[in-house]
Amino acid sequence: MEKNINLTPLPEAFYQYPTLQLAEELLGCVLVKQTEEGTSSGFIVETEAYLGSADRAAHGFSNRRTKRTEILYAEAGMTYTHLIHNHCLINVVSAEKEVPESVLIRAVEPYTGVDLMLVRRPVKKFQNLTSGPGKLSQALDINMGDYGRSLMEPPLFIAEGKKPEKISSGPRIGIDNSGEARDYPYRFWVTGNKFVSK
């Protein structure tokens, strides 16, 4: 991935792609988090799409609406954070308002603020720093306090990066109890990138 990229938030128009297309368009973009300690960021290298009411693996399946999932019904470009096994995961709210679709950011390739990331998440093997949804949130200090933020302005936003040369797709990970949805090819990743989750 290239260096010296202008970290400016992408506009609202970027988030208007259909969810599956947005999951691909996000690859190569830069996820940025600003904190008092400094700014850290990473190129998005892996995503998963969740298609709302018709997708058994989605938190909005059958239009379930709870305090936790309420932000999924907001306009595209908002942040949906949630906890799984005490790990915070970050999702990009997608689709039109009242349609509970989203894209999970599964992995990033570290870009700026790497020293800060290593303080938050000391690792022996560098490629383990951000190679999973819980890992990247810990490294970038993305937490439940980011729930409901707009991704179009600091301190948490997505900037234009560099288009991947090749994208792969396949079934999503860790959703074995979701019937036929576990086989949907809704996971996308930058082919050959070493930070893609295993």
C-alpha atoms as a PDB file:
ATOM      1  CA  MET A   1       0.000   0.000   0.000  1.00  0.00           C
ATOM      2  CA  GLU A   2       1.193   3.521  -0.787  1.00  0.00           C
ATOM      3  CA  LYS A   3       2.277   6.056   1.785  1.00  0.00           C
ATOM      4  CA  ASN A   4       1.565   9.801   1.949  1.00  0.00           C
ATOM      5  CA  ILE A   5      -2.183   9.602   1.460  1.00  0.00           C
ATOM      6  CA  ASN A   6      -4.373  12.596   2.327  1.00  0.00           C
ATOM      7  CA  LEU A   7      -6.442  11.512   5.324  1.00  0.00           C
ATOM      8  CA  THR A   8      -9.628  13.441   4.575  1.00  0.00           C
ATOM      9  CA  PRO A   9     -13.028  11.934   5.452  1.00  0.00           C
ATOM     10  CA  LEU A  10     -14.915  10.493   2.514  1.00  0.00           C
ATOM     11  CA  PRO A  11     -18.206  12.296   1.757  1.00  0.00           C
ATOM     12  CA  GLU A  12     -21.730  11.019   2.375  1.00  0.00           C
ATOM     13  CA  ALA A  13     -22.043  10.051  -1.299  1.00  0.00           C
ATOM     14  CA  PHE A  14     -19.431   7.291  -0.840  1.00  0.00           C
ATOM     15  CA  TYR A  15     -21.711   5.380   1.525  1.00  0.00           C
ATOM     16  CA  GLN A  16     -24.634   5.228  -0.925  1.00  0.00           C
ATOM     17  CA  TYR A  17     -23.398   2.077  -2.694  1.00  0.00           C
ATOM     18  CA  PRO A  18     -25.508  -1.066  -2.208  1.00  0.00           C
ATOM     19  CA  THR A  19     -24.143  -2.958   0.802  1.00  0.00           C
ATOM     20  CA  LEU A  20     -22.327  -5.714  -1.102  1.00  0.00           C
ATOM     21  CA  GLN A  21     -20.669  -3.157  -3.374  1.00  0.00           C
ATOM     22  CA  LEU A  22     -19.781  -0.936  -0.413  1.00  0.00           C
ATOM     23  CA  ALA A  23     -18.047  -3.915   1.224  1.00  0.00           C
ATOM     24  CA  GLU A  24     -15.764  -4.072  -1.822  1.00  0.00           C
ATOM     25  CA  GLU A  25     -15.367  -0.298  -2.207  1.00  0.00           C
ATOM     26  CA  LEU A  26     -14.155  -0.037   1.398  1.00  0.00           C
ATOM     27  CA  LEU A  27     -11.153  -2.246   0.622  1.00  0.00           C
ATOM     28  CA  GLY A  28      -8.076  -0.060   0.290  1.00  0.00           C
ATOM     29  CA  CYS A  29      -9.692   2.857   2.128  1.00  0.00           C
ATOM     30  CA  VAL A  30      -8.078   4.114   5.338  1.00  0.00           C
ATOM     31  CA  LEU A  31      -9.782   3.731   8.719  1.00  0.00           C
ATOM     32  CA  VAL A  32      -8.621   6.577  10.985  1.00  0.00           C
ATOM     33  CA  LYS A  33      -9.040   7.104  14.755  1.00  0.00           C
ATOM     34  CA  GLN A  34      -7.875  10.268  16.492  1.00  0.00           C
ATOM     35  CA  THR A  35      -7.283  10.197  20.264  1.00  0.00           C
ATOM     36  CA  GLU A  36      -5.550  12.401  22.830  1.00  0.00           C
ATOM     37  CA  GLU A  37      -2.512  10.103  22.547  1.00  0.00           C
ATOM     38  CA  GLY A  38      -2.316  10.588  18.782  1.00  0.00           C
ATOM     39  CA  THR A  39      -3.757   9.428  15.465  1.00  0.00           C
ATOM     40  CA  SER A  40      -3.555   5.865  14.182  1.00  0.00           C
ATOM     41  CA  SER A  41      -4.877   4.400  10.962  1.00  0.00           C
ATOM     42  CA  GLY A  42      -4.875   1.373   8.695  1.00  0.00           C
ATOM     43  CA  PHE A  43      -5.802   0.358   5.164  1.00  0.00           C
ATOM     44  CA  ILE A  44      -8.965  -1.737   5.171  1.00  0.00           C
ATOM     45  CA  VAL A  45      -8.045  -5.156   3.756  1.00  0.00           C
ATOM     46  CA  GLU A  46     -11.026  -7.326   4.751  1.00  0.00           C
ATOM     47  CA  THR A  47     -14.774  -6.724   5.121  1.00  0.00           C
ATOM     48  CA  GLU A  48     -18.007  -8.667   5.550  1.00  0.00           C
ATOM     49  CA  ALA A  49     -21.437  -7.541   4.362  1.00  0.00           C
ATOM     50  CA  TYR A  50     -24.579  -8.149   6.425  1.00  0.00           C
ATOM     51  CA  LEU A  51     -27.842  -7.744   4.530  1.00  0.00           C
ATOM     52  CA  GLY A  52     -30.303  -6.936   7.265  1.00  0.00           C
ATOM     53  CA  SER A  53     -33.783  -8.384   7.514  1.00  0.00           C
ATOM     54  CA  ALA A  54     -33.257 -11.285   5.061  1.00  0.00           C
ATOM     55  CA  ASP A  55     -29.800 -12.308   6.326  1.00  0.00           C
ATOM     56  CA  ARG A  56     -29.863 -14.781   9.251  1.00  0.00           C
ATOM     57  CA  ALA A  57     -26.320 -13.760  10.230  1.00  0.00           C
ATOM     58  CA  ALA A  58     -27.205 -10.052  10.463  1.00  0.00           C
ATOM     59  CA  HIS A  59     -28.100  -8.296  13.704  1.00  0.00           C
ATOM     60  CA  GLY A  60     -31.037  -6.756  11.829  1.00  0.00           C
ATOM     61  CA  PHE A  61     -32.450 -10.141  10.711  1.00  0.00           C
ATOM     62  CA  SER A  62     -36.277 -10.054  10.612  1.00  0.00           C
ATOM     63  CA  ASN A  63     -35.990  -6.343  11.396  1.00  0.00           C
ATOM     64  CA  ARG A  64     -35.032  -7.021  15.021  1.00  0.00           C
ATOM     65  CA  ARG A  65     -34.832  -3.652  16.680  1.00  0.00           C
ATOM     66  CA  THR A  66     -33.188  -3.271  20.073  1.00  0.00           C
ATOM     67  CA  LYS A  67     -31.264  -0.554  21.865  1.00  0.00           C
ATOM     68  CA  ARG A  68     -28.062  -2.213  20.615  1.00  0.00           C
ATOM     69  CA  THR A  69     -29.127  -2.369  16.961  1.00  0.00           C
ATOM     70  CA  GLU A  70     -30.972   0.950  16.704  1.00  0.00           C
ATOM     71  CA  ILE A  71     -28.127   2.666  14.822  1.00  0.00           C
ATOM     72  CA  LEU A  72     -28.447   0.082  12.021  1.00  0.00           C
ATOM     73  CA  TYR A  73     -31.706   1.822  11.081  1.00  0.00           C
ATOM     74  CA  ALA A  74     -29.993   5.195  10.669  1.00  0.00           C
ATOM     75  CA  GLU A  75     -28.583   6.661   7.455  1.00  0.00           C
ATOM     76  CA  ALA A  76     -25.546   5.106   5.809  1.00  0.00           C
ATOM     77  CA  GLY A  77     -22.107   6.185   7.014  1.00  0.00           C
ATOM     78  CA  MET A  78     -22.712   5.828  10.746  1.00  0.00           C
ATOM     79  CA  THR A  79     -20.702   3.647  13.145  1.00  0.00           C
ATOM     80  CA  TYR A  80     -22.185   0.475  14.627  1.00  0.00           C
ATOM     81  CA  THR A  81     -19.922  -0.919  17.346  1.00  0.00           C
ATOM     82  CA  HIS A  82     -20.827  -4.014  19.342  1.00  0.00           C
ATOM     83  CA  LEU A  83     -19.131  -6.480  21.666  1.00  0.00           C
ATOM     84  CA  ILE A  84     -18.425 -10.156  21.018  1.00  0.00           C
ATOM     85  CA  HIS A  85     -16.545 -12.026  23.767  1.00  0.00           C
ATOM     86  CA  ASN A  86     -15.479  -8.646  25.219  1.00  0.00           C
ATOM     87  CA  HIS A  87     -13.969  -7.605  21.868  1.00  0.00           C
ATOM     88  CA  CYS A  88     -15.327  -4.455  20.224  1.00  0.00           C
ATOM     89  CA  LEU A  89     -16.154  -4.774  16.517  1.00  0.00           C
ATOM     90  CA  ILE A  90     -16.724  -1.882  14.130  1.00  0.00           C
ATOM     91  CA  ASN A  91     -19.336  -1.887  11.373  1.00  0.00           C
ATOM     92  CA  VAL A  92     -20.232   0.720   8.756  1.00  0.00           C
ATOM     93  CA  VAL A  93     -23.993   1.295   8.587  1.00  0.00           C
ATOM     94  CA  SER A  94     -25.124   0.962   4.971  1.00  0.00           C
ATOM     95  CA  ALA A  95     -28.253   1.031   2.768  1.00  0.00           C
ATOM     96  CA  GLU A  96     -31.062   3.550   3.080  1.00  0.00           C
ATOM     97  CA  LYS A  97     -32.591   4.664   6.366  1.00  0.00           C
ATOM     98  CA  GLU A  98     -34.731   2.041   8.153  1.00  0.00           C
ATOM     99  CA  VAL A  99     -32.953  -0.802   6.300  1.00  0.00           C
ATOM    100  CA  PRO A 100     -30.657  -2.504   8.881  1.00  0.00           C
ATOM    101  CA  GLU A 101     -27.652  -3.405   6.727  1.00  0.00           C
ATOM    102  CA  SER A 102     -23.964  -2.955   7.529  1.00  0.00           C
ATOM    103  CA  VAL A 103     -20.387  -3.844   6.640  1.00  0.00           C
ATOM    104  CA  LEU A 104     -18.055  -5.285   9.274  1.00  0.00           C
ATOM    105  CA  ILE A 105     -14.435  -4.167   9.008  1.00  0.00           C
ATOM    106  CA  ARG A 106     -12.550  -7.403   9.662  1.00  0.00           C
ATOM    107  CA  ALA A 107      -8.898  -6.404   9.191  1.00  0.00           C
ATOM    108  CA  VAL A 108      -6.648  -3.467   8.380  1.00  0.00           C
ATOM    109  CA  GLU A 109      -3.024  -3.077   7.354  1.00  0.00           C
ATOM    110  CA  PRO A 110      -1.310  -0.619   9.762  1.00  0.00           C
ATOM    111  CA  TYR A 111      -0.551   2.751   8.176  1.00  0.00           C
ATOM    112  CA  THR A 112       0.038   5.655  10.595  1.00  0.00           C
ATOM    113  CA  GLY A 113       0.542   5.675  14.361  1.00  0.00           C
ATOM    114  CA  VAL A 114       2.008   2.172  14.406  1.00  0.00           C
ATOM    115  CA  ASP A 115       4.025   2.823  17.582  1.00  0.00           C
ATOM    116  CA  LEU A 116       0.837   3.850  19.346  1.00  0.00           C
ATOM    117  CA  MET A 117      -0.930   0.725  18.112  1.00  0.00           C
ATOM    118  CA  LEU A 118       1.871  -1.452  19.467  1.00  0.00           C
ATOM    119  CA  VAL A 119       1.526   0.184  22.905  1.00  0.00           C
ATOM    120  CA  ARG A 120      -2.186  -0.641  22.941  1.00  0.00           C
ATOM    121  CA  ARG A 121      -1.699  -4.109  21.545  1.00  0.00           C
ATOM    122  CA  PRO A 122       1.832  -5.509  22.049  1.00  0.00           C
ATOM    123  CA  VAL A 123       2.428  -8.427  19.670  1.00  0.00           C
ATOM    124  CA  LYS A 124       5.380 -10.675  18.911  1.00  0.00           C
ATOM    125  CA  LYS A 125       4.366 -11.085  15.280  1.00  0.00           C
ATOM    126  CA  PHE A 126       3.611  -7.775  13.539  1.00  0.00           C
ATOM    127  CA  GLN A 127       0.973  -9.226  11.209  1.00  0.00           C
ATOM    128  CA  ASN A 128      -1.103 -10.148  14.292  1.00  0.00           C
ATOM    129  CA  LEU A 129      -1.464  -6.482  15.207  1.00  0.00           C
ATOM    130  CA  THR A 130      -4.631  -5.781  13.190  1.00  0.00           C
ATOM    131  CA  SER A 131      -5.474  -9.093  11.468  1.00  0.00           C
ATOM    132  CA  GLY A 132      -8.973  -9.472  12.903  1.00  0.00           C
ATOM    133  CA  PRO A 133     -11.948  -7.320  13.904  1.00  0.00           C
ATOM    134  CA  GLY A 134     -11.234  -7.307  17.647  1.00  0.00           C
ATOM    135  CA  LYS A 135      -7.511  -6.825  17.072  1.00  0.00           C
ATOM    136  CA  LEU A 136      -7.898  -3.758  14.875  1.00  0.00           C
ATOM    137  CA  SER A 137     -10.325  -2.129  17.298  1.00  0.00           C
ATOM    138  CA  GLN A 138      -7.903  -2.611  20.181  1.00  0.00           C
ATOM    139  CA  ALA A 139      -4.952  -1.295  18.149  1.00  0.00           C
ATOM    140  CA  LEU A 140      -6.846   1.771  16.929  1.00  0.00           C
ATOM    141  CA  ASP A 141      -8.664   2.323  20.259  1.00  0.00           C
ATOM    142  CA  ILE A 142     -12.095   1.909  18.686  1.00  0.00           C
ATOM    143  CA  ASN A 143     -14.569   1.228  21.491  1.00  0.00           C
ATOM    144  CA  MET A 144     -18.236   1.311  22.458  1.00  0.00           C
ATOM    145  CA  GLY A 145     -17.938   5.062  22.963  1.00  0.00           C
ATOM    146  CA  ASP A 146     -17.717   5.284  19.157  1.00  0.00           C
ATOM    147  CA  TYR A 147     -21.219   3.808  18.716  1.00  0.00           C
ATOM    148  CA  GLY A 148     -23.360   6.111  16.590  1.00  0.00           C
ATOM    149  CA  ARG A 149     -20.556   8.382  15.379  1.00  0.00           C
ATOM    150  CA  SER A 150     -20.627   9.696  11.832  1.00  0.00           C
ATOM    151  CA  LEU A 151     -17.746   8.246   9.807  1.00  0.00           C
ATOM    152  CA  MET A 152     -17.643  11.472   7.804  1.00  0.00           C
ATOM    153  CA  GLU A 153     -15.864  13.554  10.456  1.00  0.00           C
ATOM    154  CA  PRO A 154     -13.160  13.171  13.124  1.00  0.00           C
ATOM    155  CA  PRO A 155     -12.322  11.587  15.477  1.00  0.00           C
ATOM    156  CA  LEU A 156     -13.315   8.341  13.697  1.00  0.00           C
ATOM    157  CA  PHE A 157     -13.564   8.377   9.926  1.00  0.00           C
ATOM    158  CA  ILE A 158     -12.739   6.644   6.665  1.00  0.00           C
ATOM    159  CA  ALA A 159     -10.500   8.275   4.054  1.00  0.00           C
ATOM    160  CA  GLU A 160      -9.696   7.462   0.453  1.00  0.00           C
ATOM    161  CA  GLY A 161      -6.719   5.135   0.103  1.00  0.00           C
ATOM    162  CA  LYS A 162      -5.531   3.022  -2.791  1.00  0.00           C
ATOM    163  CA  LYS A 163      -7.594   0.642  -4.906  1.00  0.00           C
ATOM    164  CA  PRO A 164      -6.513  -3.000  -4.443  1.00  0.00           C
ATOM    165  CA  GLU A 165      -5.128  -4.765  -7.494  1.00  0.00           C
ATOM    166  CA  LYS A 166      -7.198  -7.862  -6.814  1.00  0.00           C
ATOM    167  CA  ILE A 167     -10.109  -8.717  -4.506  1.00  0.00           C
ATOM    168  CA  SER A 168     -11.187 -12.179  -3.351  1.00  0.00           C
ATOM    169  CA  SER A 169     -14.520 -13.225  -1.855  1.00  0.00           C
ATOM    170  CA  GLY A 170     -15.887 -16.151   0.106  1.00  0.00           C
ATOM    171  CA  PRO A 171     -18.103 -17.153   3.052  1.00  0.00           C
ATOM    172  CA  ARG A 172     -18.119 -15.073   6.215  1.00  0.00           C
ATOM    173  CA  ILE A 173     -16.332 -16.250   9.363  1.00  0.00           C
ATOM    174  CA  GLY A 174     -17.716 -17.296  12.753  1.00  0.00           C
ATOM    175  CA  ILE A 175     -21.418 -17.469  11.878  1.00  0.00           C
ATOM    176  CA  ASP A 176     -21.973 -21.231  11.934  1.00  0.00           C
ATOM    177  CA  ASN A 177     -25.389 -20.961  13.597  1.00  0.00           C
ATOM    178  CA  SER A 178     -26.950 -18.873  10.843  1.00  0.00           C
ATOM    179  CA  GLY A 179     -28.370 -21.567   8.551  1.00  0.00           C
ATOM    180  CA  GLU A 180     -27.939 -21.005   4.838  1.00  0.00           C
ATOM    181  CA  ALA A 181     -26.484 -17.540   5.507  1.00  0.00           C
ATOM    182  CA  ARG A 182     -23.196 -19.064   6.653  1.00  0.00           C
ATOM    183  CA  ASP A 183     -22.425 -19.973   3.028  1.00  0.00           C
ATOM    184  CA  TYR A 184     -23.156 -16.597   1.443  1.00  0.00           C
ATOM    185  CA  PRO A 185     -19.986 -15.220  -0.234  1.00  0.00           C
ATOM    186  CA  TYR A 186     -20.261 -11.892   1.560  1.00  0.00           C
ATOM    187  CA  ARG A 187     -16.662 -11.662   2.824  1.00  0.00           C
ATOM    188  CA  PHE A 188     -14.219  -9.648   0.711  1.00  0.00           C
ATOM    189  CA  TRP A 189     -10.482  -9.227   1.107  1.00  0.00           C
ATOM    190  CA  VAL A 190      -7.420  -7.841  -0.631  1.00  0.00           C
ATOM    191  CA  THR A 191      -5.938 -10.889  -2.299  1.00  0.00           C
ATOM    192  CA  GLY A 192      -2.620 -11.929  -0.769  1.00  0.00           C
ATOM    193  CA  ASN A 193      -2.542  -9.287   1.964  1.00  0.00           C
ATOM    194  CA  LYS A 194      -0.827 -10.686   5.066  1.00  0.00           C
ATOM    195  CA  PHE A 195      -3.109  -8.808   7.474  1.00  0.00           C
ATOM    196  CA  VAL A 196      -6.252 -10.620   6.311  1.00  0.00           C
ATOM    197  CA  SER A 197      -7.651 -12.640   9.233  1.00  0.00           C
ATOM    198  CA  LYS A 198      -7.065 -16.377   9.341  1.00  0.00           C
END
